[in-house]
N, C-alpha and C. Protein backbone atom coordinates (compact mmCIF):
# COMPACT_ATOMS: atom_id res chain seq x y z
N MET A 1 -6.91 -29.36 9.48
CA MET A 1 -6.23 -28.95 10.71
C MET A 1 -6.99 -28.52 11.94
N PRO A 2 -6.61 -28.88 13.28
CA PRO A 2 -7.92 -29.09 14.13
C PRO A 2 -7.84 -27.61 14.43
N SER A 3 -9.39 -27.00 14.93
CA SER A 3 -9.56 -25.87 15.04
C SER A 3 -8.78 -25.13 16.14
N ASP A 4 -8.30 -25.99 16.90
CA ASP A 4 -7.63 -25.37 18.07
C ASP A 4 -5.98 -24.88 17.68
N GLU A 5 -5.62 -25.30 16.54
CA GLU A 5 -4.21 -24.96 15.92
C GLU A 5 -4.33 -23.75 15.40
N VAL A 6 -3.19 -23.02 15.82
CA VAL A 6 -3.16 -21.72 15.30
C VAL A 6 -2.57 -21.63 13.71
N PRO A 7 -3.05 -21.22 12.73
CA PRO A 7 -2.55 -21.18 11.26
C PRO A 7 -1.06 -20.83 11.12
N THR A 8 -0.39 -21.36 10.43
CA THR A 8 1.28 -20.72 9.97
C THR A 8 0.98 -19.32 9.41
N VAL A 9 1.72 -18.49 9.69
CA VAL A 9 1.44 -17.34 9.09
C VAL A 9 2.83 -17.35 8.07
N ARG A 10 2.53 -17.16 6.76
CA ARG A 10 3.55 -17.32 5.58
C ARG A 10 3.85 -15.89 5.17
N PRO A 11 4.76 -15.78 5.03
CA PRO A 11 5.12 -14.29 4.01
C PRO A 11 4.54 -14.29 2.77
N SER A 12 4.26 -13.16 2.72
CA SER A 12 3.51 -13.02 1.27
C SER A 12 4.33 -12.26 0.35
N GLY A 13 4.66 -12.98 -0.95
CA GLY A 13 5.62 -12.24 -1.95
C GLY A 13 4.83 -11.05 -2.44
N THR A 14 3.43 -11.13 -2.83
CA THR A 14 2.70 -10.31 -3.13
C THR A 14 2.41 -9.09 -2.33
N LEU A 15 2.12 -9.27 -1.21
CA LEU A 15 1.91 -8.16 0.02
C LEU A 15 3.38 -7.49 0.01
N ALA A 16 4.39 -8.22 -0.26
CA ALA A 16 6.12 -7.55 -0.07
C ALA A 16 6.20 -6.35 -1.37
N VAL A 17 5.45 -6.84 -2.33
CA VAL A 17 5.49 -6.02 -3.75
C VAL A 17 4.54 -5.01 -3.34
N PHE A 18 3.54 -4.83 -2.95
CA PHE A 18 2.74 -3.98 -2.41
C PHE A 18 3.45 -2.85 -1.48
N GLU A 19 3.95 -3.33 -0.41
CA GLU A 19 4.54 -2.50 0.34
C GLU A 19 5.69 -1.88 -0.11
N GLN A 20 6.49 -2.59 -0.90
CA GLN A 20 7.63 -1.93 -1.63
C GLN A 20 7.08 -0.55 -2.94
N THR A 21 5.96 -1.10 -3.09
CA THR A 21 5.54 0.18 -3.83
C THR A 21 5.31 1.22 -3.51
N LEU A 22 4.62 0.96 -2.00
CA LEU A 22 4.55 2.27 -1.26
C LEU A 22 5.73 2.82 -0.61
N VAL A 23 6.51 2.29 -0.43
CA VAL A 23 7.73 2.70 -0.27
C VAL A 23 8.55 3.57 -1.19
N GLU A 24 8.55 3.17 -2.25
CA GLU A 24 8.96 3.82 -3.31
C GLU A 24 8.14 5.38 -3.59
N ALA A 25 6.82 5.23 -3.45
CA ALA A 25 5.86 5.92 -3.76
C ALA A 25 6.32 7.45 -2.70
N ILE A 26 6.09 6.84 -1.59
CA ILE A 26 6.57 7.74 -0.49
C ILE A 26 7.85 8.40 -0.96
N ALA A 27 8.89 7.70 -0.77
CA ALA A 27 10.37 8.31 -1.06
C ALA A 27 10.10 9.33 -2.36
N LYS A 28 9.56 8.86 -3.56
CA LYS A 28 9.54 9.84 -4.62
C LYS A 28 8.84 11.33 -4.31
N LEU A 29 7.67 11.23 -3.45
CA LEU A 29 7.10 12.11 -2.95
C LEU A 29 7.65 13.18 -2.17
N GLU A 30 8.89 12.54 -1.25
CA GLU A 30 9.41 13.19 -0.44
C GLU A 30 10.36 14.20 -1.07
N GLY A 31 10.52 13.94 -2.59
CA GLY A 31 11.57 14.78 -3.28
C GLY A 31 11.02 15.65 -4.07
N LEU A 32 9.57 15.90 -3.89
CA LEU A 32 8.68 16.64 -4.89
C LEU A 32 8.54 18.09 -3.83
N PRO A 33 8.47 18.87 -4.44
CA PRO A 33 8.08 20.07 -3.76
C PRO A 33 6.71 19.88 -2.93
N ALA A 34 6.68 20.79 -1.81
CA ALA A 34 5.45 20.36 -0.94
C ALA A 34 4.34 21.03 -1.63
N SER A 35 3.41 20.38 -1.50
CA SER A 35 2.02 20.75 -2.07
C SER A 35 0.73 20.29 -1.62
N ASP A 36 -0.17 20.16 -1.63
CA ASP A 36 -1.46 20.22 -0.90
C ASP A 36 -1.53 18.41 -1.76
N GLU A 37 -1.52 18.29 -3.02
CA GLU A 37 -1.54 17.27 -3.63
C GLU A 37 -0.51 16.25 -3.06
N ARG A 38 0.63 16.56 -2.97
CA ARG A 38 1.90 15.58 -2.48
C ARG A 38 1.34 15.37 -1.08
N GLU A 39 0.98 16.04 -0.45
CA GLU A 39 0.67 15.87 1.31
C GLU A 39 -0.66 14.63 1.28
N GLU A 40 -1.75 14.90 0.46
CA GLU A 40 -2.68 13.90 0.32
C GLU A 40 -2.19 12.71 -0.20
N LEU A 41 -1.43 12.53 -1.37
CA LEU A 41 -0.69 11.29 -1.79
C LEU A 41 -0.24 10.65 -0.38
N ARG A 42 0.66 11.35 0.05
CA ARG A 42 1.52 10.72 1.01
C ARG A 42 0.85 10.14 2.36
N ARG A 43 -0.24 10.80 2.65
CA ARG A 43 -1.26 10.48 3.53
C ARG A 43 -1.99 9.07 3.20
N ASP A 44 -2.35 8.86 2.01
CA ASP A 44 -3.04 7.92 1.28
C ASP A 44 -2.01 6.65 1.35
N ALA A 45 -0.78 6.96 1.26
CA ALA A 45 0.49 6.03 1.00
C ALA A 45 0.63 5.51 2.46
N VAL A 46 0.64 6.05 3.31
CA VAL A 46 1.08 5.69 4.54
C VAL A 46 -0.35 4.79 5.12
N ALA A 47 -1.48 5.60 4.77
CA ALA A 47 -2.61 4.50 5.37
C ALA A 47 -2.72 3.41 4.76
N MET A 48 -2.12 3.32 3.22
CA MET A 48 -2.11 1.87 2.71
C MET A 48 -1.06 1.15 3.18
N GLN A 49 -0.12 1.57 3.74
CA GLN A 49 1.20 0.67 4.46
C GLN A 49 0.50 0.10 5.73
N ALA A 50 -0.27 0.86 6.47
CA ALA A 50 -0.90 0.18 7.80
C ALA A 50 -2.01 -0.69 7.28
N LEU A 51 -2.83 -0.47 6.23
CA LEU A 51 -3.41 -1.45 5.70
C LEU A 51 -3.07 -2.89 5.44
N PHE A 52 -2.09 -2.61 4.64
CA PHE A 52 -1.20 -3.68 4.17
C PHE A 52 -0.47 -4.67 5.35
N ARG A 53 0.07 -3.93 6.27
CA ARG A 53 0.37 -4.60 7.60
C ARG A 53 -0.53 -5.28 8.40
N SER A 54 -1.81 -4.48 8.51
CA SER A 54 -2.98 -5.57 9.05
C SER A 54 -3.38 -6.80 8.52
N TRP A 55 -2.89 -6.91 7.31
CA TRP A 55 -3.14 -8.17 6.43
C TRP A 55 -2.26 -9.34 6.81
N LYS A 56 -1.08 -8.90 7.61
CA LYS A 56 -0.21 -9.95 8.09
C LYS A 56 -1.08 -10.82 9.63
N VAL A 57 -2.03 -10.01 9.97
CA VAL A 57 -2.57 -10.75 11.15
C VAL A 57 -4.09 -10.77 10.92
N ARG A 58 -4.65 -10.56 9.74
CA ARG A 58 -5.95 -10.80 9.12
C ARG A 58 -5.99 -10.52 8.01
N ALA A 59 -6.36 -11.68 7.36
CA ALA A 59 -6.41 -11.79 5.72
C ALA A 59 -7.61 -10.95 5.48
N PRO A 60 -7.58 -10.13 4.25
CA PRO A 60 -8.71 -9.45 3.99
C PRO A 60 -9.73 -10.36 3.07
N SER A 61 -10.72 -9.82 3.00
CA SER A 61 -11.86 -10.66 2.14
C SER A 61 -11.28 -10.39 0.64
N PRO A 62 -11.67 -11.14 -0.20
CA PRO A 62 -11.27 -11.07 -1.83
C PRO A 62 -11.81 -9.50 -2.03
N GLU A 63 -12.85 -8.93 -1.61
CA GLU A 63 -13.37 -7.78 -2.01
C GLU A 63 -12.66 -6.60 -1.57
N GLU A 64 -12.11 -6.75 -0.15
CA GLU A 64 -11.04 -5.71 0.39
C GLU A 64 -10.03 -5.85 -0.40
N ARG A 65 -9.36 -6.96 -0.46
CA ARG A 65 -8.14 -7.15 -1.31
C ARG A 65 -8.12 -6.42 -2.83
N ALA A 66 -9.20 -6.56 -3.22
CA ALA A 66 -9.37 -6.20 -4.75
C ALA A 66 -9.56 -4.47 -4.68
N ALA A 67 -10.51 -4.00 -3.80
CA ALA A 67 -10.65 -2.66 -3.64
C ALA A 67 -9.20 -1.97 -3.10
N ALA A 68 -8.33 -2.66 -2.52
CA ALA A 68 -7.19 -1.97 -2.06
C ALA A 68 -5.91 -2.28 -3.02
N ILE A 69 -6.12 -3.06 -4.06
CA ILE A 69 -5.09 -3.18 -5.04
C ILE A 69 -5.41 -2.20 -5.95
N SER A 70 -6.79 -1.85 -6.35
CA SER A 70 -7.11 -0.95 -7.09
C SER A 70 -6.62 0.45 -6.56
N ARG A 71 -6.54 0.66 -5.49
CA ARG A 71 -6.60 1.88 -4.59
C ARG A 71 -4.83 2.20 -4.56
N LEU A 72 -3.99 1.09 -4.44
CA LEU A 72 -2.64 1.28 -4.45
C LEU A 72 -2.26 1.65 -6.19
N MET A 73 -3.02 0.88 -7.07
CA MET A 73 -2.79 1.48 -8.53
C MET A 73 -2.96 2.69 -8.62
N ASP A 74 -4.08 3.27 -8.34
CA ASP A 74 -4.55 4.76 -8.23
C ASP A 74 -3.50 5.58 -7.47
N VAL A 75 -2.92 5.16 -6.48
CA VAL A 75 -1.88 6.00 -5.72
C VAL A 75 -0.65 6.10 -6.41
N HIS A 76 -0.10 4.95 -6.83
CA HIS A 76 1.02 4.81 -7.83
C HIS A 76 0.79 5.78 -9.04
N ARG A 77 -0.23 5.90 -9.57
CA ARG A 77 -0.57 6.45 -10.92
C ARG A 77 -0.58 7.85 -10.41
N ALA A 78 -1.08 8.49 -9.66
CA ALA A 78 -0.97 9.74 -9.14
C ALA A 78 0.28 10.11 -8.84
N VAL A 79 0.72 9.57 -8.01
CA VAL A 79 2.41 9.57 -7.93
C VAL A 79 3.29 10.23 -8.97
N GLU A 80 3.35 9.10 -9.95
CA GLU A 80 3.94 9.18 -11.05
C GLU A 80 3.39 10.21 -11.97
N GLU A 81 2.26 10.61 -12.02
CA GLU A 81 1.82 11.85 -12.59
C GLU A 81 2.29 13.04 -12.12
N LEU A 82 2.36 12.99 -10.89
CA LEU A 82 2.91 14.53 -10.14
C LEU A 82 4.34 14.52 -10.03
N ALA A 83 4.95 13.53 -10.14
CA ALA A 83 6.37 13.75 -10.36
C ALA A 83 6.57 13.94 -11.71
N SER A 84 5.82 13.31 -12.76
CA SER A 84 6.08 13.94 -14.07
C SER A 84 6.01 15.66 -14.37
N LYS A 85 5.12 16.00 -13.73
CA LYS A 85 4.75 17.36 -13.92
C LYS A 85 5.72 18.26 -13.08
N ARG A 86 6.75 17.81 -12.27
CA ARG A 86 7.63 18.60 -11.76
C ARG A 86 8.94 18.53 -12.48
């Protein structure tokens, strides 16, 4: 592809799964009683949504991607653990 052509943006199925995981986590958090832990997890989830949205414009480096996926799994696990306590 010549350098003056704009690359075609393709939807990412994996990215959609990440975003859906966060939507579900936020919904689950909203159903839990208010607490500092709930609010911190919600802030993390919303920040991650913004991060994943930014990937639609600029692809992450492999290191950034790996770190974000690890963080996503940590947030998901923490939400599930908090929900199981309630």
